[in-house]
Amino acid sequence: MSLLGNSARRIRADELQVNEAAYPDWVSGAECLPVAGSRVFCTAGLAEVVKILGKTGDGSRLLELRLEGINQPFFVAASNIRVAPAE
């Protein structure tokens, strides 16, 4: 048995980066930090910002997000989300 496991179950690196083409007019969270309650786009889809926490290794802020219909929040670097442009 391989120590690496089943390669079909591995997450590809491109699956961990937000798809900028999905919302091309939205900006990176590193450029425009959202506030609690804001709607953002992440790798898992549209989410709501619950809290803004400390800084990550790339210098952007750590965000706690919650997806629609899923009660358990998760954490993401602001540099890996997209924020709607200011009106």
PDB file of N, CA and C in Angstrom:
ATOM      1  N   MET A   1       0.843  -1.188   0.000  1.00  0.00           N
ATOM      2  CA  MET A   1       0.000   0.000   0.000  1.00  0.00           C
ATOM      3  C   MET A   1       0.883   1.244   0.000  1.00  0.00           C
ATOM      4  N   SER A   2       0.553   2.182  -0.831  1.00  0.00           N
ATOM      5  CA  SER A   2       1.326   3.410  -0.956  1.00  0.00           C
ATOM      6  C   SER A   2       1.060   4.340   0.221  1.00  0.00           C
ATOM      7  N   LEU A   3       2.091   5.031   0.661  1.00  0.00           N
ATOM      8  CA  LEU A   3       1.933   6.002   1.738  1.00  0.00           C
ATOM      9  C   LEU A   3       1.233   7.270   1.254  1.00  0.00           C
ATOM     10  N   LEU A   4       1.217   7.472  -0.050  1.00  0.00           N
ATOM     11  CA  LEU A   4       0.598   8.673  -0.606  1.00  0.00           C
ATOM     12  C   LEU A   4      -0.910   8.564  -0.719  1.00  0.00           C
ATOM     13  N   GLY A   5      -1.448   7.370  -0.623  1.00  0.00           N
ATOM     14  CA  GLY A   5      -2.898   7.194  -0.706  1.00  0.00           C
ATOM     15  C   GLY A   5      -3.387   7.236  -2.134  1.00  0.00           C
ATOM     16  N   ASN A   6      -4.682   7.306  -2.274  1.00  0.00           N
ATOM     17  CA  ASN A   6      -5.320   7.326  -3.579  1.00  0.00           C
ATOM     18  C   ASN A   6      -5.201   8.718  -4.188  1.00  0.00           C
ATOM     19  N   SER A   7      -4.519   8.818  -5.315  1.00  0.00           N
ATOM     20  CA  SER A   7      -4.307  10.129  -5.937  1.00  0.00           C
ATOM     21  C   SER A   7      -5.612  10.768  -6.404  1.00  0.00           C
ATOM     22  N   ALA A   8      -6.665   9.993  -6.602  1.00  0.00           N
ATOM     23  CA  ALA A   8      -7.952  10.542  -7.019  1.00  0.00           C
ATOM     24  C   ALA A   8      -8.589  11.366  -5.902  1.00  0.00           C
ATOM     25  N   ARG A   9      -8.164  11.157  -4.690  1.00  0.00           N
ATOM     26  CA  ARG A   9      -8.739  11.879  -3.544  1.00  0.00           C
ATOM     27  C   ARG A   9      -7.969  13.143  -3.191  1.00  0.00           C
ATOM     28  N   ARG A  10      -6.834  13.353  -3.800  1.00  0.00           N
ATOM     29  CA  ARG A  10      -6.023  14.523  -3.479  1.00  0.00           C
ATOM     30  C   ARG A  10      -6.651  15.787  -4.031  1.00  0.00           C
ATOM     31  N   ILE A  11      -6.438  16.873  -3.324  1.00  0.00           N
ATOM     32  CA  ILE A  11      -6.913  18.179  -3.778  1.00  0.00           C
ATOM     33  C   ILE A  11      -5.816  18.798  -4.627  1.00  0.00           C
ATOM     34  N   ARG A  12      -6.185  19.261  -5.804  1.00  0.00           N
ATOM     35  CA  ARG A  12      -5.225  19.923  -6.683  1.00  0.00           C
ATOM     36  C   ARG A  12      -5.002  21.358  -6.206  1.00  0.00           C
ATOM     37  N   ALA A  13      -3.815  21.863  -6.441  1.00  0.00           N
ATOM     38  CA  ALA A  13      -3.457  23.217  -6.004  1.00  0.00           C
ATOM     39  C   ALA A  13      -4.396  24.269  -6.598  1.00  0.00           C
ATOM     40  N   ASP A  14      -4.832  24.081  -7.851  1.00  0.00           N
ATOM     41  CA  ASP A  14      -5.714  25.075  -8.473  1.00  0.00           C
ATOM     42  C   ASP A  14      -7.102  25.095  -7.829  1.00  0.00           C
ATOM     43  N   GLU A  15      -7.478  24.035  -7.123  1.00  0.00           N
ATOM     44  CA  GLU A  15      -8.767  24.011  -6.417  1.00  0.00           C
ATOM     45  C   GLU A  15      -8.725  24.835  -5.135  1.00  0.00           C
ATOM     46  N   LEU A  16      -7.540  25.226  -4.692  1.00  0.00           N
ATOM     47  CA  LEU A  16      -7.388  26.004  -3.470  1.00  0.00           C
ATOM     48  C   LEU A  16      -7.301  27.503  -3.734  1.00  0.00           C
ATOM     49  N   GLN A  17      -7.289  27.901  -5.003  1.00  0.00           N
ATOM     50  CA  GLN A  17      -7.229  29.308  -5.370  1.00  0.00           C
ATOM     51  C   GLN A  17      -8.579  29.741  -5.928  1.00  0.00           C
ATOM     52  N   VAL A  18      -9.029  30.914  -5.521  1.00  0.00           N
ATOM     53  CA  VAL A  18     -10.317  31.421  -5.978  1.00  0.00           C
ATOM     54  C   VAL A  18     -10.272  31.668  -7.485  1.00  0.00           C
ATOM     55  N   ASN A  19     -11.369  31.359  -8.165  1.00  0.00           N
ATOM     56  CA  ASN A  19     -11.477  31.540  -9.610  1.00  0.00           C
ATOM     57  C   ASN A  19     -11.829  32.994  -9.903  1.00  0.00           C
ATOM     58  N   GLU A  20     -10.830  33.769 -10.286  1.00  0.00           N
ATOM     59  CA  GLU A  20     -11.041  35.192 -10.548  1.00  0.00           C
ATOM     60  C   GLU A  20     -11.929  35.442 -11.754  1.00  0.00           C
ATOM     61  N   ALA A  21     -11.995  34.495 -12.677  1.00  0.00           N
ATOM     62  CA  ALA A  21     -12.809  34.652 -13.879  1.00  0.00           C
ATOM     63  C   ALA A  21     -14.301  34.575 -13.575  1.00  0.00           C
ATOM     64  N   ALA A  22     -14.674  33.976 -12.447  1.00  0.00           N
ATOM     65  CA  ALA A  22     -16.091  33.854 -12.096  1.00  0.00           C
ATOM     66  C   ALA A  22     -16.715  35.221 -11.819  1.00  0.00           C
ATOM     67  N   TYR A  23     -15.956  36.111 -11.227  1.00  0.00           N
ATOM     68  CA  TYR A  23     -16.422  37.470 -10.925  1.00  0.00           C
ATOM     69  C   TYR A  23     -15.305  38.436 -11.316  1.00  0.00           C
ATOM     70  N   PRO A  24     -15.118  38.684 -12.606  1.00  0.00           N
ATOM     71  CA  PRO A  24     -13.967  39.484 -13.054  1.00  0.00           C
ATOM     72  C   PRO A  24     -13.970  40.929 -12.577  1.00  0.00           C
ATOM     73  N   ASP A  25     -15.138  41.494 -12.289  1.00  0.00           N
ATOM     74  CA  ASP A  25     -15.189  42.885 -11.842  1.00  0.00           C
ATOM     75  C   ASP A  25     -15.006  43.017 -10.326  1.00  0.00           C
ATOM     76  N   TRP A  26     -14.959  41.901  -9.594  1.00  0.00           N
ATOM     77  CA  TRP A  26     -14.723  41.934  -8.159  1.00  0.00           C
ATOM     78  C   TRP A  26     -13.226  42.013  -7.907  1.00  0.00           C
ATOM     79  N   VAL A  27     -12.815  42.575  -6.774  1.00  0.00           N
ATOM     80  CA  VAL A  27     -11.390  42.762  -6.459  1.00  0.00           C
ATOM     81  C   VAL A  27     -10.952  41.804  -5.359  1.00  0.00           C
ATOM     82  N   SER A  28      -9.657  41.645  -5.228  1.00  0.00           N
ATOM     83  CA  SER A  28      -9.093  40.775  -4.198  1.00  0.00           C
ATOM     84  C   SER A  28      -9.386  41.343  -2.810  1.00  0.00           C
ATOM     85  N   GLY A  29      -9.568  40.458  -1.849  1.00  0.00           N
ATOM     86  CA  GLY A  29      -9.782  40.880  -0.469  1.00  0.00           C
ATOM     87  C   GLY A  29      -8.555  41.536   0.134  1.00  0.00           C
ATOM     88  N   ALA A  30      -7.392  41.306  -0.448  1.00  0.00           N
ATOM     89  CA  ALA A  30      -6.170  41.969   0.015  1.00  0.00           C
ATOM     90  C   ALA A  30      -6.175  43.443  -0.395  1.00  0.00           C
ATOM     91  N   GLU A  31      -6.821  43.761  -1.518  1.00  0.00           N
ATOM     92  CA  GLU A  31      -6.907  45.140  -2.008  1.00  0.00           C
ATOM     93  C   GLU A  31      -8.026  45.914  -1.321  1.00  0.00           C
ATOM     94  N   CYS A  32      -9.123  45.249  -1.058  1.00  0.00           N
ATOM     95  CA  CYS A  32     -10.307  45.878  -0.470  1.00  0.00           C
ATOM     96  C   CYS A  32     -10.831  44.955   0.623  1.00  0.00           C
ATOM     97  N   LEU A  33     -10.456  45.213   1.863  1.00  0.00           N
ATOM     98  CA  LEU A  33     -10.838  44.353   2.974  1.00  0.00           C
ATOM     99  C   LEU A  33     -12.345  44.469   3.245  1.00  0.00           C
ATOM    100  N   PRO A  34     -13.048  43.339   3.239  1.00  0.00           N
ATOM    101  CA  PRO A  34     -14.484  43.385   3.531  1.00  0.00           C
ATOM    102  C   PRO A  34     -14.723  43.589   5.023  1.00  0.00           C
ATOM    103  N   VAL A  35     -15.942  43.913   5.385  1.00  0.00           N
ATOM    104  CA  VAL A  35     -16.330  44.052   6.793  1.00  0.00           C
ATOM    105  C   VAL A  35     -17.214  42.870   7.162  1.00  0.00           C
ATOM    106  N   ALA A  36     -17.394  42.664   8.458  1.00  0.00           N
ATOM    107  CA  ALA A  36     -18.272  41.585   8.928  1.00  0.00           C
ATOM    108  C   ALA A  36     -19.665  41.786   8.327  1.00  0.00           C
ATOM    109  N   GLY A  37     -20.236  40.715   7.814  1.00  0.00           N
ATOM    110  CA  GLY A  37     -21.545  40.768   7.180  1.00  0.00           C
ATOM    111  C   GLY A  37     -21.481  40.902   5.662  1.00  0.00           C
ATOM    112  N   SER A  38     -20.310  41.206   5.126  1.00  0.00           N
ATOM    113  CA  SER A  38     -20.158  41.359   3.672  1.00  0.00           C
ATOM    114  C   SER A  38     -20.281  40.019   2.969  1.00  0.00           C
ATOM    115  N   ARG A  39     -20.748  40.050   1.728  1.00  0.00           N
ATOM    116  CA  ARG A  39     -20.806  38.869   0.870  1.00  0.00           C
ATOM    117  C   ARG A  39     -19.524  38.846   0.056  1.00  0.00           C
ATOM    118  N   VAL A  40     -18.870  37.700   0.025  1.00  0.00           N
ATOM    119  CA  VAL A  40     -17.628  37.544  -0.732  1.00  0.00           C
ATOM    120  C   VAL A  40     -17.688  36.253  -1.528  1.00  0.00           C
ATOM    121  N   PHE A  41     -16.798  36.121  -2.498  1.00  0.00           N
ATOM    122  CA  PHE A  41     -16.685  34.906  -3.294  1.00  0.00           C
ATOM    123  C   PHE A  41     -15.383  34.212  -2.911  1.00  0.00           C
ATOM    124  N   CYS A  42     -15.468  32.931  -2.548  1.00  0.00           N
ATOM    125  CA  CYS A  42     -14.290  32.146  -2.181  1.00  0.00           C
ATOM    126  C   CYS A  42     -14.274  30.874  -3.022  1.00  0.00           C
ATOM    127  N   THR A  43     -13.334  29.985  -2.775  1.00  0.00           N
ATOM    128  CA  THR A  43     -13.219  28.764  -3.568  1.00  0.00           C
ATOM    129  C   THR A  43     -14.458  27.892  -3.484  1.00  0.00           C
ATOM    130  N   ALA A  44     -15.202  27.987  -2.389  1.00  0.00           N
ATOM    131  CA  ALA A  44     -16.394  27.169  -2.207  1.00  0.00           C
ATOM    132  C   ALA A  44     -17.667  27.857  -2.703  1.00  0.00           C
ATOM    133  N   GLY A  45     -17.572  29.103  -3.142  1.00  0.00           N
ATOM    134  CA  GLY A  45     -18.737  29.835  -3.630  1.00  0.00           C
ATOM    135  C   GLY A  45     -18.955  31.121  -2.848  1.00  0.00           C
ATOM    136  N   LEU A  46     -20.180  31.628  -2.861  1.00  0.00           N
ATOM    137  CA  LEU A  46     -20.512  32.860  -2.139  1.00  0.00           C
ATOM    138  C   LEU A  46     -20.610  32.570  -0.653  1.00  0.00           C
ATOM    139  N   ALA A  47     -20.065  33.479   0.159  1.00  0.00           N
ATOM    140  CA  ALA A  47     -20.052  33.305   1.606  1.00  0.00           C
ATOM    141  C   ALA A  47     -20.245  34.657   2.277  1.00  0.00           C
ATOM    142  N   GLU A  48     -20.480  34.613   3.582  1.00  0.00           N
ATOM    143  CA  GLU A  48     -20.629  35.819   4.393  1.00  0.00           C
ATOM    144  C   GLU A  48     -19.453  35.907   5.352  1.00  0.00           C
ATOM    145  N   VAL A  49     -18.893  37.113   5.510  1.00  0.00           N
ATOM    146  CA  VAL A  49     -17.798  37.323   6.453  1.00  0.00           C
ATOM    147  C   VAL A  49     -18.386  37.358   7.861  1.00  0.00           C
ATOM    148  N   VAL A  50     -17.888  36.485   8.734  1.00  0.00           N
ATOM    149  CA  VAL A  50     -18.340  36.439  10.126  1.00  0.00           C
ATOM    150  C   VAL A  50     -17.454  37.326  10.990  1.00  0.00           C
ATOM    151  N   LYS A  51     -16.123  37.144  10.871  1.00  0.00           N
ATOM    152  CA  LYS A  51     -15.160  37.917  11.660  1.00  0.00           C
ATOM    153  C   LYS A  51     -13.918  38.205  10.829  1.00  0.00           C
ATOM    154  N   ILE A  52     -13.237  39.283  11.208  1.00  0.00           N
ATOM    155  CA  ILE A  52     -11.934  39.606  10.637  1.00  0.00           C
ATOM    156  C   ILE A  52     -10.928  39.419  11.761  1.00  0.00           C
ATOM    157  N   LEU A  53      -9.934  38.565  11.507  1.00  0.00           N
ATOM    158  CA  LEU A  53      -8.980  38.197  12.551  1.00  0.00           C
ATOM    159  C   LEU A  53      -7.592  38.737  12.220  1.00  0.00           C
ATOM    160  N   GLY A  54      -6.547  38.101  12.722  1.00  0.00           N
ATOM    161  CA  GLY A  54      -5.165  38.536  12.548  1.00  0.00           C
ATOM    162  C   GLY A  54      -4.677  38.458  11.116  1.00  0.00           C
ATOM    163  N   LYS A  55      -3.370  38.551  10.959  1.00  0.00           N
ATOM    164  CA  LYS A  55      -2.759  38.528   9.625  1.00  0.00           C
ATOM    165  C   LYS A  55      -2.263  37.138   9.283  1.00  0.00           C
ATOM    166  N   THR A  56      -2.209  36.861   7.987  1.00  0.00           N
ATOM    167  CA  THR A  56      -1.705  35.580   7.484  1.00  0.00           C
ATOM    168  C   THR A  56      -0.254  35.751   7.044  1.00  0.00           C
ATOM    169  N   GLY A  57       0.355  34.673   6.611  1.00  0.00           N
ATOM    170  CA  GLY A  57       1.744  34.706   6.175  1.00  0.00           C
ATOM    171  C   GLY A  57       1.993  35.608   4.986  1.00  0.00           C
ATOM    172  N   ASP A  58       0.979  35.822   4.135  1.00  0.00           N
ATOM    173  CA  ASP A  58       1.177  36.691   2.967  1.00  0.00           C
ATOM    174  C   ASP A  58       0.852  38.153   3.270  1.00  0.00           C
ATOM    175  N   GLY A  59       0.537  38.454   4.528  1.00  0.00           N
ATOM    176  CA  GLY A  59       0.276  39.834   4.936  1.00  0.00           C
ATOM    177  C   GLY A  59      -1.179  40.251   4.880  1.00  0.00           C
ATOM    178  N   SER A  60      -2.051  39.423   4.269  1.00  0.00           N
ATOM    179  CA  SER A  60      -3.473  39.763   4.235  1.00  0.00           C
ATOM    180  C   SER A  60      -4.133  39.302   5.538  1.00  0.00           C
ATOM    181  N   ARG A  61      -5.359  39.714   5.761  1.00  0.00           N
ATOM    182  CA  ARG A  61      -6.060  39.375   6.997  1.00  0.00           C
ATOM    183  C   ARG A  61      -6.677  37.988   6.910  1.00  0.00           C
ATOM    184  N   LEU A  62      -6.837  37.363   8.064  1.00  0.00           N
ATOM    185  CA  LEU A  62      -7.507  36.075   8.168  1.00  0.00           C
ATOM    186  C   LEU A  62      -8.988  36.348   8.385  1.00  0.00           C
ATOM    187  N   LEU A  63      -9.833  35.716   7.578  1.00  0.00           N
ATOM    188  CA  LEU A  63     -11.277  35.928   7.667  1.00  0.00           C
ATOM    189  C   LEU A  63     -11.973  34.640   8.083  1.00  0.00           C
ATOM    190  N   GLU A  64     -13.004  34.784   8.880  1.00  0.00           N
ATOM    191  CA  GLU A  64     -13.883  33.664   9.204  1.00  0.00           C
ATOM    192  C   GLU A  64     -15.116  33.830   8.321  1.00  0.00           C
ATOM    193  N   LEU A  65     -15.402  32.819   7.496  1.00  0.00           N
ATOM    194  CA  LEU A  65     -16.513  32.872   6.552  1.00  0.00           C
ATOM    195  C   LEU A  65     -17.534  31.797   6.870  1.00  0.00           C
ATOM    196  N   ARG A  66     -18.762  32.020   6.419  1.00  0.00           N
ATOM    197  CA  ARG A  66     -19.821  31.019   6.535  1.00  0.00           C
ATOM    198  C   ARG A  66     -20.539  30.941   5.194  1.00  0.00           C
ATOM    199  N   LEU A  67     -20.616  29.725   4.665  1.00  0.00           N
ATOM    200  CA  LEU A  67     -21.340  29.486   3.417  1.00  0.00           C
ATOM    201  C   LEU A  67     -22.826  29.401   3.685  1.00  0.00           C
ATOM    202  N   GLU A  68     -23.637  29.736   2.685  1.00  0.00           N
ATOM    203  CA  GLU A  68     -25.088  29.611   2.819  1.00  0.00           C
ATOM    204  C   GLU A  68     -25.466  28.165   3.058  1.00  0.00           C
ATOM    205  N   GLY A  69     -26.308  27.914   4.031  1.00  0.00           N
ATOM    206  CA  GLY A  69     -26.804  26.573   4.306  1.00  0.00           C
ATOM    207  C   GLY A  69     -25.852  25.702   5.096  1.00  0.00           C
ATOM    208  N   ILE A  70     -24.660  26.192   5.391  1.00  0.00           N
ATOM    209  CA  ILE A  70     -23.695  25.430   6.182  1.00  0.00           C
ATOM    210  C   ILE A  70     -23.365  26.246   7.423  1.00  0.00           C
ATOM    211  N   ASN A  71     -23.689  25.704   8.585  1.00  0.00           N
ATOM    212  CA  ASN A  71     -23.506  26.466   9.822  1.00  0.00           C
ATOM    213  C   ASN A  71     -22.063  26.556  10.288  1.00  0.00           C
ATOM    214  N   GLN A  72     -21.236  25.575   9.938  1.00  0.00           N
ATOM    215  CA  GLN A  72     -19.864  25.571  10.413  1.00  0.00           C
ATOM    216  C   GLN A  72     -19.020  26.568   9.631  1.00  0.00           C
ATOM    217  N   PRO A  73     -18.467  27.577  10.308  1.00  0.00           N
ATOM    218  CA  PRO A  73     -17.615  28.545   9.614  1.00  0.00           C
ATOM    219  C   PRO A  73     -16.253  27.942   9.296  1.00  0.00           C
ATOM    220  N   PHE A  74     -15.515  28.604   8.411  1.00  0.00           N
ATOM    221  CA  PHE A  74     -14.161  28.187   8.074  1.00  0.00           C
ATOM    222  C   PHE A  74     -13.318  29.439   7.882  1.00  0.00           C
ATOM    223  N   PHE A  75     -12.021  29.256   7.756  1.00  0.00           N
ATOM    224  CA  PHE A  75     -11.096  30.376   7.703  1.00  0.00           C
ATOM    225  C   PHE A  75     -10.401  30.443   6.352  1.00  0.00           C
ATOM    226  N   VAL A  76     -10.131  31.671   5.912  1.00  0.00           N
ATOM    227  CA  VAL A  76      -9.505  31.887   4.610  1.00  0.00           C
ATOM    228  C   VAL A  76      -8.709  33.194   4.666  1.00  0.00           C
ATOM    229  N   ALA A  77      -7.637  33.245   3.882  1.00  0.00           N
ATOM    230  CA  ALA A  77      -6.863  34.487   3.757  1.00  0.00           C
ATOM    231  C   ALA A  77      -7.635  35.463   2.873  1.00  0.00           C
ATOM    232  N   ALA A  78      -7.629  36.721   3.238  1.00  0.00           N
ATOM    233  CA  ALA A  78      -8.330  37.739   2.450  1.00  0.00           C
ATOM    234  C   ALA A  78      -7.781  37.814   1.024  1.00  0.00           C
ATOM    235  N   SER A  79      -6.540  37.433   0.833  1.00  0.00           N
ATOM    236  CA  SER A  79      -5.950  37.460  -0.506  1.00  0.00           C
ATOM    237  C   SER A  79      -6.535  36.385  -1.413  1.00  0.00           C
ATOM    238  N   ASN A  80      -7.284  35.442  -0.851  1.00  0.00           N
ATOM    239  CA  ASN A  80      -7.859  34.356  -1.650  1.00  0.00           C
ATOM    240  C   ASN A  80      -9.383  34.445  -1.705  1.00  0.00           C
ATOM    241  N   ILE A  81      -9.915  35.636  -1.666  1.00  0.00           N
ATOM    242  CA  ILE A  81     -11.348  35.856  -1.860  1.00  0.00           C
ATOM    243  C   ILE A  81     -11.520  37.015  -2.836  1.00  0.00           C
ATOM    244  N   ARG A  82     -12.735  37.173  -3.330  1.00  0.00           N
ATOM    245  CA  ARG A  82     -13.087  38.294  -4.194  1.00  0.00           C
ATOM    246  C   ARG A  82     -14.196  39.076  -3.501  1.00  0.00           C
ATOM    247  N   VAL A  83     -14.083  40.408  -3.551  1.00  0.00           N
ATOM    248  CA  VAL A  83     -15.034  41.317  -2.904  1.00  0.00           C
ATOM    249  C   VAL A  83     -15.726  42.133  -3.985  1.00  0.00           C
ATOM    250  N   ALA A  84     -17.039  42.311  -3.839  1.00  0.00           N
ATOM    251  CA  ALA A  84     -17.798  43.114  -4.803  1.00  0.00           C
ATOM    252  C   ALA A  84     -17.252  44.536  -4.838  1.00  0.00           C
ATOM    253  N   PRO A  85     -17.168  45.145  -6.024  1.00  0.00           N
ATOM    254  CA  PRO A  85     -16.667  46.516  -6.112  1.00  0.00           C
ATOM    255  C   PRO A  85     -17.599  47.476  -5.404  1.00  0.00           C
ATOM    256  N   ALA A  86     -17.026  48.567  -4.885  1.00  0.00           N
ATOM    257  CA  ALA A  86     -17.820  49.582  -4.188  1.00  0.00           C
ATOM    258  C   ALA A  86     -18.789  50.231  -5.158  1.00  0.00           C
ATOM    259  N   GLU A  87     -19.977  50.468  -4.690  1.00  0.00           N
ATOM    260  CA  GLU A  87     -21.015  51.109  -5.519  1.00  0.00           C
ATOM    261  C   GLU A  87     -20.722  52.569  -5.712  1.00  0.00           C
TER     262      GLU A  87
END
